[in-house]
C-alpha atoms as a PDB file:
ATOM      1  CA  MET A   1       0.363   0.395  -0.264  1.00  0.00           C
ATOM      2  CA  ILE A   2       2.187   2.298  -0.248  1.00  0.00           C
ATOM      3  CA  ALA A   3       2.256   5.695  -3.153  1.00  0.00           C
ATOM      4  CA  LYS A   4       5.389   6.847  -3.604  1.00  0.00           C
ATOM      5  CA  THR A   5       4.494   9.128  -6.444  1.00  0.00           C
ATOM      6  CA  GLY A   6       2.221  11.467  -7.750  1.00  0.00           C
ATOM      7  CA  ILE A   7       1.234   8.567 -10.733  1.00  0.00           C
ATOM      8  CA  GLU A   8       0.794   5.928  -7.740  1.00  0.00           C
ATOM      9  CA  ARG A   9      -1.113   8.216  -5.080  1.00  0.00           C
ATOM     10  CA  ALA A  10      -3.400   8.977  -8.070  1.00  0.00           C
ATOM     11  CA  GLU A  11      -4.375   5.835  -8.123  1.00  0.00           C
ATOM     12  CA  TYR A  12      -6.214   6.403  -4.645  1.00  0.00           C
ATOM     13  CA  ARG A  13      -9.547   8.157  -4.126  1.00  0.00           C
ATOM     14  CA  ASN A  14     -12.317   9.241  -2.654  1.00  0.00           C
ATOM     15  CA  ILE A  15     -12.668   9.203   1.705  1.00  0.00           C
ATOM     16  CA  TRP A  16     -13.202   5.523   3.139  1.00  0.00           C
ATOM     17  CA  VAL A  17     -15.880   4.944   6.679  1.00  0.00           C
ATOM     18  CA  ILE A  18     -15.552   1.631   8.574  1.00  0.00           C
ATOM     19  CA  ALA A  19     -19.463   1.759  10.153  1.00  0.00           C
ATOM     20  CA  GLU A  20     -19.370  -0.224  13.040  1.00  0.00           C
ATOM     21  CA  LEU A  21     -22.514  -2.058  14.153  1.00  0.00           C
ATOM     22  CA  LYS A  22     -23.347  -2.857  17.600  1.00  0.00           C
ATOM     23  CA  SER A  23     -26.002  -5.226  18.617  1.00  0.00           C
ATOM     24  CA  GLY A  24     -27.560  -4.370  14.647  1.00  0.00           C
ATOM     25  CA  GLU A  25     -27.133  -1.293  15.555  1.00  0.00           C
ATOM     26  CA  ILE A  26     -25.430   1.414  13.072  1.00  0.00           C
ATOM     27  CA  HIS A  27     -23.459   3.270  16.312  1.00  0.00           C
ATOM     28  CA  PRO A  28     -23.308   6.726  15.905  1.00  0.00           C
ATOM     29  CA  VAL A  29     -19.734   7.854  15.802  1.00  0.00           C
ATOM     30  CA  THR A  30     -20.254   6.575  11.658  1.00  0.00           C
ATOM     31  CA  HIS A  31     -23.225   9.393  10.958  1.00  0.00           C
ATOM     32  CA  GLU A  32     -20.819  11.437  12.590  1.00  0.00           C
ATOM     33  CA  LEU A  33     -18.044   9.669  10.687  1.00  0.00           C
ATOM     34  CA  ILE A  34     -19.463  10.214   6.802  1.00  0.00           C
ATOM     35  CA  GLY A  35     -20.792  13.807   8.142  1.00  0.00           C
ATOM     36  CA  ALA A  36     -16.543  14.567   8.465  1.00  0.00           C
ATOM     37  CA  ALA A  37     -15.691  12.470   5.806  1.00  0.00           C
ATOM     38  CA  ARG A  38     -18.127  14.419   3.501  1.00  0.00           C
ATOM     39  CA  GLY A  39     -16.045  17.390   4.108  1.00  0.00           C
ATOM     40  CA  LEU A  40     -12.607  16.152   3.309  1.00  0.00           C
ATOM     41  CA  ALA A  41     -14.697  13.993  -0.097  1.00  0.00           C
ATOM     42  CA  ASP A  42     -15.838  17.771  -1.641  1.00  0.00           C
ATOM     43  CA  ALA A  43     -12.663  19.164  -0.566  1.00  0.00           C
ATOM     44  CA  ARG A  44     -10.889  16.253  -2.713  1.00  0.00           C
ATOM     45  CA  ASN A  45     -13.811  16.891  -5.490  1.00  0.00           C
ATOM     46  CA  SER A  46     -14.561  12.532  -4.721  1.00  0.00           C
ATOM     47  CA  GLU A  47     -17.365   9.886  -2.872  1.00  0.00           C
ATOM     48  CA  VAL A  48     -18.002   9.651   0.151  1.00  0.00           C
ATOM     49  CA  TRP A  49     -17.854   6.013   0.682  1.00  0.00           C
ATOM     50  CA  THR A  50     -18.695   3.471   3.953  1.00  0.00           C
ATOM     51  CA  VAL A  51     -17.797  -0.007   4.544  1.00  0.00           C
ATOM     52  CA  LEU A  52     -20.489  -1.979   6.943  1.00  0.00           C
ATOM     53  CA  ILE A  53     -19.307  -5.139   7.044  1.00  0.00           C
ATOM     54  CA  GLY A  54     -21.316  -7.930  10.190  1.00  0.00           C
ATOM     55  CA  ALA A  55     -23.908 -10.565   9.942  1.00  0.00           C
ATOM     56  CA  GLY A  56     -27.047  -8.965   9.313  1.00  0.00           C
ATOM     57  CA  ALA A  57     -25.224  -5.829   7.091  1.00  0.00           C
ATOM     58  CA  SER A  58     -27.983  -5.449   4.567  1.00  0.00           C
ATOM     59  CA  ALA A  59     -30.409  -3.691   6.759  1.00  0.00           C
ATOM     60  CA  GLY A  60     -28.828  -0.910   8.073  1.00  0.00           C
ATOM     61  CA  SER A  61     -27.439   0.187   4.287  1.00  0.00           C
ATOM     62  CA  GLY A  62     -30.055   2.598   2.767  1.00  0.00           C
ATOM     63  CA  SER A  63     -29.715   4.502   5.571  1.00  0.00           C
ATOM     64  CA  LEU A  64     -26.208   5.282   4.942  1.00  0.00           C
ATOM     65  CA  PHE A  65     -26.843   7.470   2.386  1.00  0.00           C
ATOM     66  CA  ALA A  66     -29.409  10.214   4.083  1.00  0.00           C
ATOM     67  CA  TYR A  67     -26.016  10.879   6.080  1.00  0.00           C
ATOM     68  CA  GLY A  68     -23.867  11.599   3.604  1.00  0.00           C
ATOM     69  CA  ALA A  69     -22.662   8.864   1.898  1.00  0.00           C
ATOM     70  CA  ASP A  70     -22.367   8.120  -2.038  1.00  0.00           C
ATOM     71  CA  THR A  71     -21.736   4.162  -2.076  1.00  0.00           C
ATOM     72  CA  VAL A  72     -22.000   1.629   0.445  1.00  0.00           C
ATOM     73  CA  ILE A  73     -19.644  -1.490   0.097  1.00  0.00           C
ATOM     74  CA  VAL A  74     -21.873  -4.060   2.026  1.00  0.00           C
ATOM     75  CA  VAL A  75     -20.434  -7.597   3.274  1.00  0.00           C
ATOM     76  CA  ASP A  76     -22.864 -10.430   5.064  1.00  0.00           C
ATOM     77  CA  ASP A  77     -22.382 -12.680   6.405  1.00  0.00           C
ATOM     78  CA  PRO A  78     -23.361 -15.085   9.264  1.00  0.00           C
ATOM     79  CA  ARG A  79     -19.669 -15.881   9.651  1.00  0.00           C
ATOM     80  CA  LEU A  80     -19.306 -12.535  10.901  1.00  0.00           C
ATOM     81  CA  ASN A  81     -21.704 -12.770  14.096  1.00  0.00           C
ATOM     82  CA  GLY A  82     -20.966 -10.666  16.460  1.00  0.00           C
ATOM     83  CA  PHE A  83     -17.127  -9.468  15.917  1.00  0.00           C
ATOM     84  CA  GLN A  84     -14.404 -10.974  14.299  1.00  0.00           C
ATOM     85  CA  ASP A  85     -11.713  -8.943  14.077  1.00  0.00           C
ATOM     86  CA  GLU A  86      -9.116 -11.364  12.706  1.00  0.00           C
ATOM     87  CA  LEU A  87     -11.614 -12.070   9.888  1.00  0.00           C
ATOM     88  CA  GLU A  88     -12.923  -8.053   9.587  1.00  0.00           C
ATOM     89  CA  ALA A  89      -9.894  -7.101   9.341  1.00  0.00           C
ATOM     90  CA  LYS A  90      -8.913  -9.141   6.598  1.00  0.00           C
ATOM     91  CA  VAL A  91     -11.628  -8.428   3.861  1.00  0.00           C
ATOM     92  CA  LEU A  92     -10.818  -4.958   4.187  1.00  0.00           C
ATOM     93  CA  VAL A  93      -7.606  -4.656   3.348  1.00  0.00           C
ATOM     94  CA  ARG A  94      -8.377  -7.282   0.628  1.00  0.00           C
ATOM     95  CA  LEU A  95     -11.237  -4.448  -0.361  1.00  0.00           C
ATOM     96  CA  ILE A  96      -8.339  -1.951   0.168  1.00  0.00           C
ATOM     97  CA  LYS A  97      -6.544  -3.318  -2.215  1.00  0.00           C
ATOM     98  CA  LYS A  98      -9.124  -3.850  -4.424  1.00  0.00           C
ATOM     99  CA  TYR A  99     -10.385  -0.293  -4.593  1.00  0.00           C
ATOM    100  CA  LYS A 100      -8.185   1.912  -3.696  1.00  0.00           C
ATOM    101  CA  PRO A 101      -9.379   4.880  -1.235  1.00  0.00           C
ATOM    102  CA  GLU A 102      -6.997   7.556  -0.773  1.00  0.00           C
ATOM    103  CA  VAL A 103      -8.817   8.277   3.697  1.00  0.00           C
ATOM    104  CA  VAL A 104     -10.575   5.298   5.499  1.00  0.00           C
ATOM    105  CA  LEU A 105     -11.553   6.805   8.737  1.00  0.00           C
ATOM    106  CA  CYS A 106     -12.611   4.374  11.528  1.00  0.00           C
ATOM    107  CA  GLY A 107     -15.091   4.749  15.132  1.00  0.00           C
ATOM    108  CA  ALA A 108     -11.996   5.193  18.057  1.00  0.00           C
ATOM    109  CA  THR A 109     -14.649   2.483  19.695  1.00  0.00           C
ATOM    110  CA  THR A 110     -13.536  -0.495  21.636  1.00  0.00           C
ATOM    111  CA  ARG A 111     -14.164  -2.194  18.099  1.00  0.00           C
ATOM    112  CA  GLY A 112     -12.654   0.558  16.198  1.00  0.00           C
ATOM    113  CA  ARG A 113      -9.118   0.149  18.086  1.00  0.00           C
ATOM    114  CA  ALA A 114      -9.536  -3.359  17.927  1.00  0.00           C
ATOM    115  CA  LEU A 115      -9.965  -3.848  14.327  1.00  0.00           C
ATOM    116  CA  ILE A 116      -7.970  -0.889  12.310  1.00  0.00           C
ATOM    117  CA  PRO A 117      -4.439  -1.242  13.760  1.00  0.00           C
ATOM    118  CA  ARG A 118      -4.846  -4.780  12.046  1.00  0.00           C
ATOM    119  CA  VAL A 119      -5.791  -3.140   8.678  1.00  0.00           C
ATOM    120  CA  ALA A 120      -2.797  -0.805   9.449  1.00  0.00           C
ATOM    121  CA  VAL A 121      -0.710  -3.089   9.431  1.00  0.00           C
ATOM    122  CA  ALA A 122      -1.530  -5.570   7.323  1.00  0.00           C
ATOM    123  CA  ALA A 123      -1.782  -2.580   4.254  1.00  0.00           C
ATOM    124  CA  ASN A 124       1.159  -1.233   5.269  1.00  0.00           C
ATOM    125  CA  CYS A 125      -0.302   2.698   6.247  1.00  0.00           C
ATOM    126  CA  GLY A 126       0.052   4.482   8.907  1.00  0.00           C
ATOM    127  CA  LEU A 127      -2.872   5.168  11.722  1.00  0.00           C
ATOM    128  CA  THR A 128      -2.950   8.463  13.402  1.00  0.00           C
ATOM    129  CA  ALA A 129      -5.295   7.685  17.078  1.00  0.00           C
ATOM    130  CA  ASP A 130      -8.043  10.108  18.883  1.00  0.00           C
ATOM    131  CA  CYS A 131      -8.129  12.225  16.527  1.00  0.00           C
ATOM    132  CA  THR A 132     -10.235  15.886  16.899  1.00  0.00           C
ATOM    133  CA  GLY A 133      -9.899  17.150  13.549  1.00  0.00           C
ATOM    134  CA  LEU A 134      -9.252  16.394   9.824  1.00  0.00           C
ATOM    135  CA  SER A 135      -8.798  18.726   6.898  1.00  0.00           C
ATOM    136  CA  ILE A 136      -7.386  18.142   3.727  1.00  0.00           C
ATOM    137  CA  ASP A 137      -3.721  20.891   2.960  1.00  0.00           C
ATOM    138  CA  PRO A 138      -5.248  22.298  -0.428  1.00  0.00           C
ATOM    139  CA  GLU A 139      -1.468  21.982  -1.878  1.00  0.00           C
ATOM    140  CA  THR A 140      -0.920  18.506  -1.292  1.00  0.00           C
ATOM    141  CA  GLY A 141      -3.964  16.737  -0.623  1.00  0.00           C
ATOM    142  CA  ASP A 142      -2.211  15.321   2.155  1.00  0.00           C
ATOM    143  CA  LEU A 143      -4.375  14.389   4.688  1.00  0.00           C
ATOM    144  CA  LEU A 144      -3.972  16.672   7.850  1.00  0.00           C
ATOM    145  CA  GLN A 145      -4.465  14.971  11.314  1.00  0.00           C
ATOM    146  CA  THR A 146      -4.666  16.374  14.224  1.00  0.00           C
ATOM    147  CA  ARG A 147      -5.032  15.336  17.656  1.00  0.00           C
ATOM    148  CA  PRO A 148      -3.743  15.793  21.219  1.00  0.00           C
ATOM    149  CA  ALA A 149       0.464  14.724  22.296  1.00  0.00           C
ATOM    150  CA  PHE A 150       2.999  14.533  24.797  1.00  0.00           C
ATOM    151  CA  GLY A 151       0.600  14.111  27.091  1.00  0.00           C
ATOM    152  CA  GLY A 152      -2.043  16.667  25.789  1.00  0.00           C
ATOM    153  CA  ASN A 153      -0.285  19.272  26.536  1.00  0.00           C
ATOM    154  CA  ILE A 154      -0.348  20.308  22.392  1.00  0.00           C
ATOM    155  CA  LEU A 155      -2.209  19.728  19.567  1.00  0.00           C
ATOM    156  CA  ALA A 156       0.206  18.199  16.962  1.00  0.00           C
ATOM    157  CA  THR A 157      -0.731  18.210  12.960  1.00  0.00           C
ATOM    158  CA  ILE A 158       0.065  14.895  11.252  1.00  0.00           C
ATOM    159  CA  ARG A 159       0.171  13.621   8.154  1.00  0.00           C
ATOM    160  CA  CYS A 160       1.422  10.604   6.039  1.00  0.00           C
ATOM    161  CA  PRO A 161       2.824  12.301   2.653  1.00  0.00           C
ATOM    162  CA  ASN A 162       4.457   8.578   1.168  1.00  0.00           C
ATOM    163  CA  HIS A 163       1.702   5.860   2.115  1.00  0.00           C
ATOM    164  CA  ARG A 164      -2.233   5.263   1.214  1.00  0.00           C
ATOM    165  CA  PRO A 165      -4.700   5.463   2.082  1.00  0.00           C
ATOM    166  CA  GLN A 166      -3.932   7.825   4.884  1.00  0.00           C
ATOM    167  CA  MET A 167      -5.683   6.697   7.873  1.00  0.00           C
ATOM    168  CA  ALA A 168      -7.156   8.008  11.466  1.00  0.00           C
ATOM    169  CA  THR A 169      -9.570   6.640  13.940  1.00  0.00           C
ATOM    170  CA  VAL A 170     -11.338   9.692  15.678  1.00  0.00           C
ATOM    171  CA  ARG A 171     -12.994   9.373  18.979  1.00  0.00           C
ATOM    172  CA  PRO A 172     -16.790   9.901  19.082  1.00  0.00           C
ATOM    173  CA  ARG A 173     -18.679  12.575  19.550  1.00  0.00           C
ATOM    174  CA  VAL A 174     -15.902  14.520  18.663  1.00  0.00           C
ATOM    175  CA  MET A 175     -17.180  15.331  14.868  1.00  0.00           C
ATOM    176  CA  LYS A 176     -20.383  16.255  14.702  1.00  0.00           C
ATOM    177  CA  ALA A 177     -23.440  14.539  12.267  1.00  0.00           C
ATOM    178  CA  LEU A 178     -24.734  15.996   9.467  1.00  0.00           C
ATOM    179  CA  GLU A 179     -28.368  16.522   8.989  1.00  0.00           C
ATOM    180  CA  PRO A 180     -30.476  13.314   7.292  1.00  0.00           C
ATOM    181  CA  ASP A 181     -31.685  13.701   3.961  1.00  0.00           C
ATOM    182  CA  ALA A 182     -34.213  10.980   3.145  1.00  0.00           C
ATOM    183  CA  SER A 183     -33.920  12.017  -0.426  1.00  0.00           C
ATOM    184  CA  ARG A 184     -30.667  11.225  -1.018  1.00  0.00           C
ATOM    185  CA  ARG A 185     -29.508   7.993  -2.959  1.00  0.00           C
ATOM    186  CA  GLY A 186     -26.118   6.248  -4.016  1.00  0.00           C
ATOM    187  CA  ARG A 187     -24.667   2.865  -4.889  1.00  0.00           C
ATOM    188  CA  ILE A 188     -24.303  -0.312  -2.981  1.00  0.00           C
ATOM    189  CA  ILE A 189     -21.108  -2.784  -3.464  1.00  0.00           C
ATOM    190  CA  ARG A 190     -22.238  -6.167  -1.887  1.00  0.00           C
ATOM    191  CA  GLU A 191     -19.238  -7.953  -1.968  1.00  0.00           C
ATOM    192  CA  SER A 192     -18.941 -11.525   0.483  1.00  0.00           C
ATOM    193  CA  ILE A 193     -16.315 -13.301   2.130  1.00  0.00           C
ATOM    194  CA  LEU A 194     -13.509 -15.456   0.302  1.00  0.00           C
ATOM    195  CA  ASP A 195     -11.897 -18.519   1.426  1.00  0.00           C
ATOM    196  CA  MET A 196      -8.416 -16.644   1.870  1.00  0.00           C
ATOM    197  CA  ASP A 197     -10.090 -14.508   4.582  1.00  0.00           C
ATOM    198  CA  THR A 198     -11.328 -17.276   6.395  1.00  0.00           C
ATOM    199  CA  GLY A 199      -8.609 -19.305   8.488  1.00  0.00           C
ATOM    200  CA  LYS A 200      -7.472 -20.892  11.445  1.00  0.00           C
ATOM    201  CA  GLY A 201      -8.866 -18.119  14.732  1.00  0.00           C
ATOM    202  CA  LYS A 202     -10.837 -17.439  17.412  1.00  0.00           C
ATOM    203  CA  LYS A 203     -13.958 -18.410  17.714  1.00  0.00           C
ATOM    204  CA  ILE A 204     -17.249 -16.848  20.089  1.00  0.00           C
ATOM    205  CA  ILE A 205     -19.109 -19.631  21.579  1.00  0.00           C
ATOM    206  CA  GLU A 206     -21.029 -17.426  23.087  1.00  0.00           C
ATOM    207  CA  ILE A 207     -21.664 -13.501  23.865  1.00  0.00           C
ATOM    208  CA  PHE A 208     -23.192 -12.202  27.281  1.00  0.00           C
ATOM    209  CA  LYS A 209     -24.700  -9.068  27.796  1.00  0.00           C
ATOM    210  CA  SER A 210     -23.141  -7.135  31.108  1.00  0.00           C
ATOM    211  CA  ARG A 211     -26.231  -6.155  33.062  1.00  0.00           C
ATOM    212  CA  GLU A 212     -24.852  -2.745  34.435  1.00  0.00           C
ATOM    213  CA  THR A 213     -25.395   0.621  33.627  1.00  0.00           C
ATOM    214  CA  ALA A 214     -22.447   1.905  33.236  1.00  0.00           C
ATOM    215  CA  LEU A 215     -22.474   6.170  33.134  1.00  0.00           C
ATOM    216  CA  ASN A 216     -22.535   7.212  29.821  1.00  0.00           C
ATOM    217  CA  LEU A 217     -21.936  11.166  29.246  1.00  0.00           C
ATOM    218  CA  SER A 218     -21.693  10.928  25.794  1.00  0.00           C
ATOM    219  CA  ASP A 219     -26.028  10.559  25.393  1.00  0.00           C
ATOM    220  CA  ALA A 220     -26.933  13.978  27.957  1.00  0.00           C
ATOM    221  CA  GLN A 221     -28.050  16.819  26.774  1.00  0.00           C
ATOM    222  CA  ILE A 222     -26.532  18.859  30.099  1.00  0.00           C
ATOM    223  CA  ILE A 223     -23.458  18.110  31.811  1.00  0.00           C
ATOM    224  CA  VAL A 224     -22.374  20.251  35.343  1.00  0.00           C
ATOM    225  CA  ALA A 225     -18.997  19.555  35.738  1.00  0.00           C
ATOM    226  CA  GLY A 226     -16.714  20.038  37.958  1.00  0.00           C
ATOM    227  CA  GLY A 227     -11.978  20.350  38.872  1.00  0.00           C
ATOM    228  CA  ARG A 228      -9.986  21.702  41.275  1.00  0.00           C
ATOM    229  CA  GLY A 229     -12.014  24.670  42.450  1.00  0.00           C
ATOM    230  CA  MET A 230     -14.505  22.560  43.907  1.00  0.00           C
ATOM    231  CA  LYS A 231     -12.016  21.730  46.383  1.00  0.00           C
ATOM    232  CA  GLY A 232     -13.684  18.452  47.321  1.00  0.00           C
ATOM    233  CA  PRO A 233     -16.031  15.957  47.533  1.00  0.00           C
ATOM    234  CA  GLU A 234     -18.315  18.254  49.326  1.00  0.00           C
ATOM    235  CA  GLY A 235     -18.153  20.435  46.285  1.00  0.00           C
ATOM    236  CA  PHE A 236     -19.295  17.539  44.176  1.00  0.00           C
ATOM    237  CA  LYS A 237     -22.353  17.486  46.228  1.00  0.00           C
ATOM    238  CA  LEU A 238     -23.224  20.599  45.020  1.00  0.00           C
ATOM    239  CA  LEU A 239     -22.731  20.150  41.120  1.00  0.00           C
ATOM    240  CA  LYS A 240     -25.624  16.397  41.925  1.00  0.00           C
ATOM    241  CA  GLU A 241     -27.603  18.578  43.730  1.00  0.00           C
ATOM    242  CA  LEU A 242     -27.579  21.124  40.449  1.00  0.00           C
ATOM    243  CA  ALA A 243     -27.804  18.607  37.992  1.00  0.00           C
ATOM    244  CA  SER A 244     -30.752  16.937  39.475  1.00  0.00           C
ATOM    245  CA  LYS A 245     -32.513  20.814  39.292  1.00  0.00           C
ATOM    246  CA  VAL A 246     -31.857  20.446  35.739  1.00  0.00           C
ATOM    247  CA  GLY A 247     -31.930  16.791  34.445  1.00  0.00           C
ATOM    248  CA  GLY A 248     -28.169  16.839  33.746  1.00  0.00           C
ATOM    249  CA  ALA A 249     -25.135  14.567  34.698  1.00  0.00           C
ATOM    250  CA  VAL A 250     -21.743  15.626  36.781  1.00  0.00           C
ATOM    251  CA  GLY A 251     -18.858  15.318  35.152  1.00  0.00           C
ATOM    252  CA  ALA A 252     -15.247  16.177  35.995  1.00  0.00           C
ATOM    253  CA  SER A 253     -12.671  17.292  34.999  1.00  0.00           C
ATOM    254  CA  ARG A 254      -9.454  14.692  35.899  1.00  0.00           C
ATOM    255  CA  ALA A 255      -7.840  16.377  38.289  1.00  0.00           C
ATOM    256  CA  ALA A 256     -10.915  16.043  40.277  1.00  0.00           C
ATOM    257  CA  VAL A 257     -10.775  12.249  39.197  1.00  0.00           C
ATOM    258  CA  ASP A 258      -7.520  11.953  40.389  1.00  0.00           C
ATOM    259  CA  ALA A 259      -8.237  13.390  44.035  1.00  0.00           C
ATOM    260  CA  GLY A 260     -10.945  10.404  44.690  1.00  0.00           C
ATOM    261  CA  TRP A 261     -13.247  13.445  44.496  1.00  0.00           C
ATOM    262  CA  ILE A 262     -16.225  11.867  42.162  1.00  0.00           C
ATOM    263  CA  PRO A 263     -15.505   8.084  40.117  1.00  0.00           C
ATOM    264  CA  TYR A 264     -13.427   7.701  37.057  1.00  0.00           C
ATOM    265  CA  ALA A 265     -16.960   7.092  35.151  1.00  0.00           C
ATOM    266  CA  HIS A 266     -17.682  10.973  35.668  1.00  0.00           C
ATOM    267  CA  GLN A 267     -14.226  12.237  33.964  1.00  0.00           C
ATOM    268  CA  VAL A 268     -14.533  14.232  30.170  1.00  0.00           C
ATOM    269  CA  GLY A 269     -11.113  14.772  28.830  1.00  0.00           C
ATOM    270  CA  GLN A 270      -8.190  12.960  26.229  1.00  0.00           C
ATOM    271  CA  THR A 271      -8.143   9.909  28.994  1.00  0.00           C
ATOM    272  CA  GLY A 272     -12.007  10.189  30.068  1.00  0.00           C
ATOM    273  CA  GLN A 273     -15.763  10.485  27.274  1.00  0.00           C
ATOM    274  CA  THR A 274     -15.926  12.438  25.357  1.00  0.00           C
ATOM    275  CA  VAL A 275     -19.699  14.558  25.219  1.00  0.00           C
ATOM    276  CA  GLN A 276     -21.591  17.038  22.975  1.00  0.00           C
ATOM    277  CA  ALA A 277     -23.696  18.251  25.172  1.00  0.00           C
ATOM    278  CA  LYS A 278     -26.996  21.537  24.536  1.00  0.00           C
ATOM    279  CA  LEU A 279     -24.975  22.996  28.007  1.00  0.00           C
ATOM    280  CA  TYR A 280     -21.759  22.354  29.665  1.00  0.00           C
ATOM    281  CA  ILE A 281     -21.938  24.025  32.690  1.00  0.00           C
ATOM    282  CA  ALA A 282     -17.912  24.186  33.434  1.00  0.00           C
ATOM    283  CA  CYS A 283     -17.434  24.575  37.518  1.00  0.00           C
ATOM    284  CA  GLY A 284     -13.442  25.602  38.378  1.00  0.00           C
ATOM    285  CA  ILE A 285     -11.956  23.914  35.450  1.00  0.00           C
ATOM    286  CA  SER A 286      -9.044  25.555  34.702  1.00  0.00           C
ATOM    287  CA  GLY A 287      -9.280  24.229  30.420  1.00  0.00           C
ATOM    288  CA  GLN A 288      -6.112  21.851  30.171  1.00  0.00           C
ATOM    289  CA  ILE A 289      -6.031  20.228  26.618  1.00  0.00           C
ATOM    290  CA  GLN A 290      -6.745  17.376  27.763  1.00  0.00           C
ATOM    291  CA  HIS A 291     -10.312  18.427  29.507  1.00  0.00           C
ATOM    292  CA  LEU A 292     -10.698  20.573  26.209  1.00  0.00           C
ATOM    293  CA  VAL A 293     -10.263  17.385  23.384  1.00  0.00           C
ATOM    294  CA  GLY A 294     -13.502  15.752  25.161  1.00  0.00           C
ATOM    295  CA  MET A 295     -16.338  18.422  25.721  1.00  0.00           C
ATOM    296  CA  GLN A 296     -15.084  21.012  22.836  1.00  0.00           C
ATOM    297  CA  SER A 297     -17.735  20.108  20.550  1.00  0.00           C
ATOM    298  CA  CYS A 298     -20.727  21.156  23.469  1.00  0.00           C
ATOM    299  CA  GLU A 299     -22.794  24.128  22.115  1.00  0.00           C
ATOM    300  CA  THR A 300     -23.121  26.161  24.673  1.00  0.00           C
ATOM    301  CA  ILE A 301     -20.858  26.522  27.532  1.00  0.00           C
ATOM    302  CA  VAL A 302     -20.661  28.512  30.944  1.00  0.00           C
ATOM    303  CA  ALA A 303     -17.830  28.635  32.763  1.00  0.00           C
ATOM    304  CA  ILE A 304     -17.904  29.261  36.786  1.00  0.00           C
ATOM    305  CA  ASP A 305     -14.645  30.646  38.642  1.00  0.00           C
ATOM    306  CA  LYS A 306     -12.751  32.684  40.210  1.00  0.00           C
ATOM    307  CA  ASP A 307      -9.826  33.636  37.435  1.00  0.00           C
ATOM    308  CA  PRO A 308     -10.719  35.329  34.532  1.00  0.00           C
ATOM    309  CA  ASP A 309      -7.958  34.750  32.536  1.00  0.00           C
ATOM    310  CA  THR A 310      -8.279  30.584  32.129  1.00  0.00           C
ATOM    311  CA  THR A 311      -9.211  29.204  29.258  1.00  0.00           C
ATOM    312  CA  MET A 312     -12.507  27.934  29.487  1.00  0.00           C
ATOM    313  CA  MET A 313     -13.010  31.446  30.709  1.00  0.00           C
ATOM    314  CA  GLN A 314     -11.813  32.777  27.627  1.00  0.00           C
ATOM    315  CA  MET A 315     -13.264  30.190  25.107  1.00  0.00           C
ATOM    316  CA  ALA A 316     -16.298  29.915  27.332  1.00  0.00           C
ATOM    317  CA  ASP A 317     -19.803  31.066  25.369  1.00  0.00           C
ATOM    318  CA  ILE A 318     -20.896  32.969  28.865  1.00  0.00           C
ATOM    319  CA  ALA A 319     -18.475  33.151  31.622  1.00  0.00           C
ATOM    320  CA  ILE A 320     -19.530  33.927  35.345  1.00  0.00           C
ATOM    321  CA  ILE A 321     -16.287  35.277  37.869  1.00  0.00           C
ATOM    322  CA  GLY A 322     -16.913  34.429  41.637  1.00  0.00           C
ATOM    323  CA  ASP A 323     -16.862  31.615  44.454  1.00  0.00           C
ATOM    324  CA  ILE A 324     -18.259  28.875  43.416  1.00  0.00           C
ATOM    325  CA  LEU A 325     -19.137  27.598  46.445  1.00  0.00           C
ATOM    326  CA  GLU A 326     -21.519  30.567  47.023  1.00  0.00           C
ATOM    327  CA  ILE A 327     -22.648  30.810  43.556  1.00  0.00           C
ATOM    328  CA  ILE A 328     -23.851  27.232  42.920  1.00  0.00           C
ATOM    329  CA  PRO A 329     -26.029  27.998  46.554  1.00  0.00           C
ATOM    330  CA  GLU A 330     -27.432  30.842  44.739  1.00  0.00           C
ATOM    331  CA  ILE A 331     -28.261  29.217  41.139  1.00  0.00           C
ATOM    332  CA  ILE A 332     -30.048  26.339  43.397  1.00  0.00           C
ATOM    333  CA  SER A 333     -31.971  29.053  45.567  1.00  0.00           C
ATOM    334  CA  GLU A 334     -32.984  31.167  42.253  1.00  0.00           C
ATOM    335  CA  LEU A 335     -34.488  27.183  40.717  1.00  0.00           C
ATOM    336  CA  ASP A 336     -36.539  26.344  43.421  1.00  0.00           C
ATOM    337  CA  LYS A 337     -37.941  29.351  43.378  1.00  0.00           C
ATOM    338  CA  LEU A 338     -38.724  28.492  39.475  1.00  0.00           C
END
């Protein structure tokens, strides 16, 4: 998959999105990636192709056109029941060699992180993980892949000028899906598993589903998050009370989690969850890059802090300067009056 010369690079075309099926449903990150791919494809005057692999995959293929896909490759086979990353990787590598995409995008989910490194190694390509931004260099046509680096202290832009396809993973809720257009139509290509794809590998005997319900901040429309400025567990009790008043969830910075003030399940950021809430209330959070990566796509950001010069206060749509432990009780009191 090495393409060093201009002639070889010209053979690679179109932006691919590797769709994810979970319990027969298309994961929302697929729609988000198609939206991002649409912008990249328009910049390259090419198409968005989505690859849908799994048992029963045909059922969801038509819906992908509404979100911006032009072509959908479907590999529907009962042998793909569950998550067969070894088999899926072999199929994907074969399809990449056949159709030569310029860019391949995949969700940085548990499944995506297990699958796409296998594909990158077998296809002899580079892979940039956990991207927070994707764009096209207008001069070279290279994919510009932005991600946090050095522990989140800087944002690095990475390019792969000598290899095709260019591959990247993106965390859920970082990109925004396009509004679906039910009138859009596209082409469906049906591919099959070949003998060369199969071989000795793992076999899924049974699938067990956990009965425990994990906190899913990514679905919350309102998030009240706290950082070091909450000063301890008592401060987070206030945030929980405020969140309950507005029908929201409680988030936290890594500093608050590391201090033991609130469990890891509440952590927002590079090493926590990525959210895209309509309202994000940041209380005592300075705004380190690691945290911003996880919440920068929220629609409206309200920051409360004593220091008006923090990154979070500067980027907020509404910045409230003052003592958090005095302001939050006042907000709760006003909500009670309503």
